[in-house]
Amino acid sequence: MHNIISFEFASAGEIRMALAERLKAVRLAQNMQQSELAAAAGVARGTLQNLESRAQCSLDSFVRIAMALGVAADLEAVFARRPTSIAEMEKAAKPIRRRASSRGVR
């Protein structure tokens, strides 16, 4: 297992590998074989093998596997808005932007 101290300083490949290793650790802790998890997630066994060995799969497959392992709720924290001041809390209470502002000349 990779010893990444923080994702902040890791490469994309290191982050992918760490997440793949975490999912594999959960699978093994639940004493599931790859074929069982793949069937429960609705993905091919090869997809799961690619995830665990090369940290490569689609986002859809990743989420399906996390759901089948019962850890999908852990994904809620990904990119969650975490206000650290009262001003940021007030800003967070405002409606979320749905589109970027136009960059054209007005």
N, C-alpha and C. Protein backbone atom coordinates (compact mmCIF):
# COMPACT_ATOMS: atom_id res chain seq x y z
N MET A 1 0.85 -1.18 0.00
CA MET A 1 0.00 0.00 0.00
C MET A 1 0.89 1.24 0.00
N HIS A 2 0.50 2.23 -0.78
CA HIS A 2 1.26 3.47 -0.84
C HIS A 2 1.08 4.25 0.46
N ASN A 3 2.12 4.92 0.87
CA ASN A 3 2.05 5.72 2.09
C ASN A 3 1.94 7.19 1.72
N ILE A 4 0.78 7.58 1.23
CA ILE A 4 0.55 8.98 0.86
C ILE A 4 0.14 9.73 2.11
N ILE A 5 0.89 10.76 2.44
CA ILE A 5 0.57 11.56 3.61
C ILE A 5 -0.65 12.42 3.33
N SER A 6 -0.68 13.03 2.16
CA SER A 6 -1.78 13.92 1.82
C SER A 6 -2.01 13.88 0.31
N PHE A 7 -3.25 13.85 -0.10
CA PHE A 7 -3.56 13.91 -1.52
C PHE A 7 -3.13 15.25 -2.11
N GLU A 8 -3.00 16.24 -1.27
CA GLU A 8 -2.65 17.58 -1.73
C GLU A 8 -1.35 17.60 -2.51
N PHE A 9 -0.40 16.74 -2.15
CA PHE A 9 0.90 16.74 -2.80
C PHE A 9 1.13 15.51 -3.66
N ALA A 10 0.10 14.72 -3.87
CA ALA A 10 0.22 13.48 -4.64
C ALA A 10 -0.11 13.73 -6.11
N SER A 11 0.41 12.87 -6.95
CA SER A 11 0.07 12.94 -8.37
C SER A 11 -1.30 12.29 -8.58
N ALA A 12 -1.87 12.50 -9.74
CA ALA A 12 -3.17 11.90 -10.05
C ALA A 12 -3.07 10.38 -9.97
N GLY A 13 -1.99 9.82 -10.48
CA GLY A 13 -1.81 8.37 -10.43
C GLY A 13 -1.70 7.85 -9.01
N GLU A 14 -1.02 8.59 -8.15
CA GLU A 14 -0.88 8.16 -6.75
C GLU A 14 -2.23 8.21 -6.03
N ILE A 15 -3.03 9.21 -6.33
CA ILE A 15 -4.36 9.31 -5.72
C ILE A 15 -5.24 8.17 -6.21
N ARG A 16 -5.23 7.92 -7.53
CA ARG A 16 -6.02 6.81 -8.07
C ARG A 16 -5.61 5.49 -7.42
N MET A 17 -4.31 5.26 -7.29
CA MET A 17 -3.83 4.00 -6.73
C MET A 17 -4.23 3.89 -5.25
N ALA A 18 -4.15 4.97 -4.51
CA ALA A 18 -4.53 4.94 -3.10
C ALA A 18 -6.02 4.61 -2.95
N LEU A 19 -6.86 5.21 -3.80
CA LEU A 19 -8.30 4.93 -3.73
C LEU A 19 -8.60 3.49 -4.13
N ALA A 20 -7.90 2.99 -5.15
CA ALA A 20 -8.08 1.60 -5.57
C ALA A 20 -7.66 0.65 -4.46
N GLU A 21 -6.55 0.96 -3.80
CA GLU A 21 -6.08 0.11 -2.70
C GLU A 21 -7.06 0.13 -1.53
N ARG A 22 -7.67 1.28 -1.28
CA ARG A 22 -8.66 1.36 -0.20
C ARG A 22 -9.88 0.51 -0.51
N LEU A 23 -10.35 0.58 -1.76
CA LEU A 23 -11.50 -0.25 -2.13
C LEU A 23 -11.15 -1.74 -2.03
N LYS A 24 -9.96 -2.10 -2.46
CA LYS A 24 -9.54 -3.50 -2.37
C LYS A 24 -9.48 -3.94 -0.90
N ALA A 25 -8.96 -3.07 -0.03
CA ALA A 25 -8.87 -3.39 1.40
C ALA A 25 -10.27 -3.62 1.99
N VAL A 26 -11.24 -2.80 1.57
CA VAL A 26 -12.61 -2.97 2.05
C VAL A 26 -13.16 -4.31 1.55
N ARG A 27 -12.91 -4.62 0.28
CA ARG A 27 -13.38 -5.90 -0.28
C ARG A 27 -12.81 -7.07 0.50
N LEU A 28 -11.51 -7.02 0.77
CA LEU A 28 -10.87 -8.12 1.50
C LEU A 28 -11.36 -8.20 2.94
N ALA A 29 -11.60 -7.05 3.56
CA ALA A 29 -12.11 -7.03 4.94
C ALA A 29 -13.50 -7.65 5.01
N GLN A 30 -14.25 -7.53 3.92
CA GLN A 30 -15.58 -8.13 3.86
C GLN A 30 -15.53 -9.56 3.33
N ASN A 31 -14.32 -10.06 3.11
CA ASN A 31 -14.09 -11.43 2.66
C ASN A 31 -14.85 -11.73 1.36
N MET A 32 -14.80 -10.78 0.43
CA MET A 32 -15.47 -10.95 -0.86
C MET A 32 -14.45 -11.27 -1.93
N GLN A 33 -14.81 -12.18 -2.82
CA GLN A 33 -13.97 -12.45 -3.98
C GLN A 33 -14.29 -11.41 -5.05
N GLN A 34 -13.34 -11.23 -5.96
CA GLN A 34 -13.55 -10.26 -7.04
C GLN A 34 -14.81 -10.57 -7.83
N SER A 35 -15.04 -11.84 -8.11
CA SER A 35 -16.21 -12.22 -8.91
C SER A 35 -17.51 -11.87 -8.18
N GLU A 36 -17.53 -12.03 -6.86
CA GLU A 36 -18.73 -11.69 -6.08
C GLU A 36 -19.00 -10.19 -6.12
N LEU A 37 -17.95 -9.41 -5.90
CA LEU A 37 -18.11 -7.96 -5.89
C LEU A 37 -18.50 -7.45 -7.27
N ALA A 38 -17.86 -7.98 -8.30
CA ALA A 38 -18.18 -7.55 -9.66
C ALA A 38 -19.66 -7.82 -9.96
N ALA A 39 -20.15 -8.98 -9.59
CA ALA A 39 -21.56 -9.32 -9.83
C ALA A 39 -22.47 -8.39 -9.03
N ALA A 40 -22.14 -8.14 -7.78
CA ALA A 40 -22.96 -7.26 -6.93
C ALA A 40 -22.97 -5.83 -7.46
N ALA A 41 -21.85 -5.40 -8.05
CA ALA A 41 -21.73 -4.03 -8.56
C ALA A 41 -22.27 -3.89 -9.98
N GLY A 42 -22.46 -5.01 -10.64
CA GLY A 42 -22.94 -4.95 -12.02
C GLY A 42 -21.86 -4.53 -13.00
N VAL A 43 -20.61 -4.90 -12.70
CA VAL A 43 -19.49 -4.61 -13.59
C VAL A 43 -18.80 -5.92 -13.93
N ALA A 44 -18.02 -5.89 -14.99
CA ALA A 44 -17.27 -7.08 -15.37
C ALA A 44 -16.14 -7.32 -14.37
N ARG A 45 -15.78 -8.59 -14.20
CA ARG A 45 -14.67 -8.91 -13.29
C ARG A 45 -13.39 -8.22 -13.75
N GLY A 46 -13.19 -8.13 -15.05
CA GLY A 46 -12.01 -7.45 -15.60
C GLY A 46 -11.96 -5.98 -15.21
N THR A 47 -13.13 -5.35 -15.12
CA THR A 47 -13.19 -3.95 -14.68
C THR A 47 -12.66 -3.83 -13.26
N LEU A 48 -13.09 -4.74 -12.40
CA LEU A 48 -12.62 -4.72 -11.01
C LEU A 48 -11.13 -5.03 -10.94
N GLN A 49 -10.67 -5.96 -11.76
CA GLN A 49 -9.24 -6.28 -11.78
C GLN A 49 -8.43 -5.07 -12.24
N ASN A 50 -8.92 -4.36 -13.26
CA ASN A 50 -8.22 -3.16 -13.72
C ASN A 50 -8.17 -2.10 -12.63
N LEU A 51 -9.24 -1.97 -11.89
CA LEU A 51 -9.27 -0.99 -10.80
C LEU A 51 -8.25 -1.37 -9.73
N GLU A 52 -8.27 -2.61 -9.31
CA GLU A 52 -7.39 -3.01 -8.21
C GLU A 52 -5.92 -3.08 -8.61
N SER A 53 -5.62 -3.44 -9.84
CA SER A 53 -4.22 -3.59 -10.23
C SER A 53 -3.61 -2.35 -10.88
N ARG A 54 -4.44 -1.62 -11.66
CA ARG A 54 -3.89 -0.46 -12.37
C ARG A 54 -4.58 0.85 -12.01
N ALA A 55 -5.53 0.79 -11.10
CA ALA A 55 -6.27 1.97 -10.65
C ALA A 55 -6.95 2.67 -11.83
N GLN A 56 -7.53 1.87 -12.73
CA GLN A 56 -8.20 2.43 -13.89
C GLN A 56 -9.59 1.85 -14.05
N CYS A 57 -10.58 2.71 -14.11
CA CYS A 57 -11.96 2.33 -14.41
C CYS A 57 -12.74 3.62 -14.61
N SER A 58 -13.96 3.49 -15.09
CA SER A 58 -14.80 4.68 -15.27
C SER A 58 -15.31 5.15 -13.90
N LEU A 59 -15.73 6.38 -13.86
CA LEU A 59 -16.31 6.91 -12.62
C LEU A 59 -17.57 6.13 -12.27
N ASP A 60 -18.36 5.76 -13.27
CA ASP A 60 -19.57 4.99 -13.03
C ASP A 60 -19.23 3.66 -12.35
N SER A 61 -18.22 2.97 -12.87
CA SER A 61 -17.82 1.68 -12.28
C SER A 61 -17.31 1.88 -10.85
N PHE A 62 -16.53 2.93 -10.64
CA PHE A 62 -16.00 3.22 -9.31
C PHE A 62 -17.14 3.39 -8.31
N VAL A 63 -18.15 4.16 -8.71
CA VAL A 63 -19.28 4.42 -7.81
C VAL A 63 -20.08 3.14 -7.59
N ARG A 64 -20.31 2.35 -8.62
CA ARG A 64 -21.04 1.09 -8.48
C ARG A 64 -20.32 0.15 -7.50
N ILE A 65 -19.01 0.08 -7.61
CA ILE A 65 -18.22 -0.78 -6.72
C ILE A 65 -18.30 -0.27 -5.29
N ALA A 66 -18.18 1.03 -5.11
CA ALA A 66 -18.30 1.62 -3.76
C ALA A 66 -19.68 1.33 -3.17
N MET A 67 -20.71 1.43 -3.99
CA MET A 67 -22.08 1.14 -3.52
C MET A 67 -22.20 -0.32 -3.11
N ALA A 68 -21.68 -1.21 -3.92
CA ALA A 68 -21.76 -2.64 -3.62
C ALA A 68 -21.00 -2.99 -2.34
N LEU A 69 -19.95 -2.25 -2.04
CA LEU A 69 -19.18 -2.47 -0.81
C LEU A 69 -19.82 -1.78 0.40
N GLY A 70 -20.81 -0.93 0.15
CA GLY A 70 -21.46 -0.22 1.26
C GLY A 70 -20.69 0.99 1.74
N VAL A 71 -19.83 1.55 0.89
CA VAL A 71 -19.04 2.71 1.30
C VAL A 71 -19.35 3.96 0.46
N ALA A 72 -20.44 3.92 -0.30
CA ALA A 72 -20.79 5.06 -1.15
C ALA A 72 -21.03 6.33 -0.33
N ALA A 73 -21.53 6.18 0.89
CA ALA A 73 -21.77 7.36 1.73
C ALA A 73 -20.48 8.12 2.00
N ASP A 74 -19.36 7.42 1.97
CA ASP A 74 -18.07 8.08 2.19
C ASP A 74 -17.74 9.06 1.05
N LEU A 75 -18.36 8.89 -0.09
CA LEU A 75 -18.11 9.77 -1.23
C LEU A 75 -18.77 11.14 -1.06
N GLU A 76 -19.72 11.24 -0.14
CA GLU A 76 -20.39 12.52 0.09
C GLU A 76 -19.42 13.62 0.47
N ALA A 77 -18.35 13.28 1.13
CA ALA A 77 -17.39 14.29 1.58
C ALA A 77 -16.50 14.81 0.46
N VAL A 78 -16.50 14.13 -0.69
CA VAL A 78 -15.66 14.56 -1.80
C VAL A 78 -16.17 15.89 -2.33
N PHE A 79 -15.32 16.87 -2.35
CA PHE A 79 -15.61 18.23 -2.82
C PHE A 79 -16.72 18.92 -2.04
N ALA A 80 -17.00 18.46 -0.85
CA ALA A 80 -18.03 19.11 -0.01
C ALA A 80 -17.54 20.50 0.39
N ARG A 81 -18.45 21.42 0.42
CA ARG A 81 -18.10 22.78 0.82
C ARG A 81 -17.92 22.80 2.33
N ARG A 82 -16.75 23.24 2.76
CA ARG A 82 -16.44 23.28 4.19
C ARG A 82 -16.10 24.70 4.60
N PRO A 83 -17.10 25.46 5.04
CA PRO A 83 -16.82 26.84 5.46
C PRO A 83 -15.93 26.86 6.70
N THR A 84 -14.99 27.80 6.71
CA THR A 84 -14.07 27.91 7.84
C THR A 84 -14.23 29.22 8.59
N SER A 85 -15.09 30.09 8.11
CA SER A 85 -15.33 31.36 8.80
C SER A 85 -16.81 31.71 8.68
N ILE A 86 -17.23 32.69 9.44
CA ILE A 86 -18.63 33.12 9.39
C ILE A 86 -18.95 33.66 8.00
N ALA A 87 -18.02 34.41 7.41
CA ALA A 87 -18.24 34.95 6.07
C ALA A 87 -18.42 33.82 5.05
N GLU A 88 -17.62 32.77 5.18
CA GLU A 88 -17.75 31.64 4.26
C GLU A 88 -19.05 30.89 4.51
N MET A 89 -19.51 30.83 5.77
CA MET A 89 -20.77 30.18 6.08
C MET A 89 -21.93 30.95 5.44
N GLU A 90 -21.85 32.29 5.50
CA GLU A 90 -22.89 33.12 4.89
C GLU A 90 -22.87 32.95 3.37
N LYS A 91 -21.68 32.90 2.81
CA LYS A 91 -21.54 32.71 1.36
C LYS A 91 -22.10 31.34 0.96
N ALA A 92 -21.85 30.33 1.77
CA ALA A 92 -22.32 28.97 1.47
C ALA A 92 -23.84 28.89 1.53
N ALA A 93 -24.47 29.76 2.29
CA ALA A 93 -25.92 29.74 2.42
C ALA A 93 -26.61 30.31 1.17
N LYS A 94 -25.84 31.05 0.34
CA LYS A 94 -26.40 31.61 -0.89
C LYS A 94 -26.61 30.48 -1.90
N PRO A 95 -27.50 30.70 -2.86
CA PRO A 95 -27.74 29.67 -3.88
C PRO A 95 -26.46 29.32 -4.64
N ILE A 96 -26.34 28.07 -5.01
CA ILE A 96 -25.17 27.58 -5.74
C ILE A 96 -25.30 28.00 -7.20
N ARG A 97 -24.20 28.51 -7.77
CA ARG A 97 -24.19 28.88 -9.19
C ARG A 97 -24.41 27.64 -10.04
N ARG A 98 -25.23 27.78 -11.05
CA ARG A 98 -25.50 26.68 -11.96
C ARG A 98 -24.73 26.80 -13.27
N ARG A 99 -24.26 28.03 -13.58
CA ARG A 99 -23.52 28.26 -14.81
C ARG A 99 -22.40 29.25 -14.54
N ALA A 100 -21.36 29.17 -15.33
CA ALA A 100 -20.26 30.13 -15.23
C ALA A 100 -20.70 31.42 -15.90
N SER A 101 -20.13 32.53 -15.49
CA SER A 101 -20.46 33.80 -16.13
C SER A 101 -19.83 33.82 -17.52
N SER A 102 -20.44 34.58 -18.41
CA SER A 102 -19.92 34.63 -19.77
C SER A 102 -18.61 35.40 -19.80
N ARG A 103 -17.75 35.04 -20.71
CA ARG A 103 -16.45 35.69 -20.82
C ARG A 103 -16.39 36.60 -22.04
N GLY A 104 -17.50 36.72 -22.74
CA GLY A 104 -17.54 37.56 -23.93
C GLY A 104 -17.48 39.03 -23.58
N VAL A 105 -17.22 39.86 -24.57
CA VAL A 105 -17.18 41.31 -24.40
C VAL A 105 -18.61 41.83 -24.34
N ARG A 106 -18.84 42.68 -23.40
CA ARG A 106 -20.20 43.24 -23.24
C ARG A 106 -20.32 44.57 -23.86
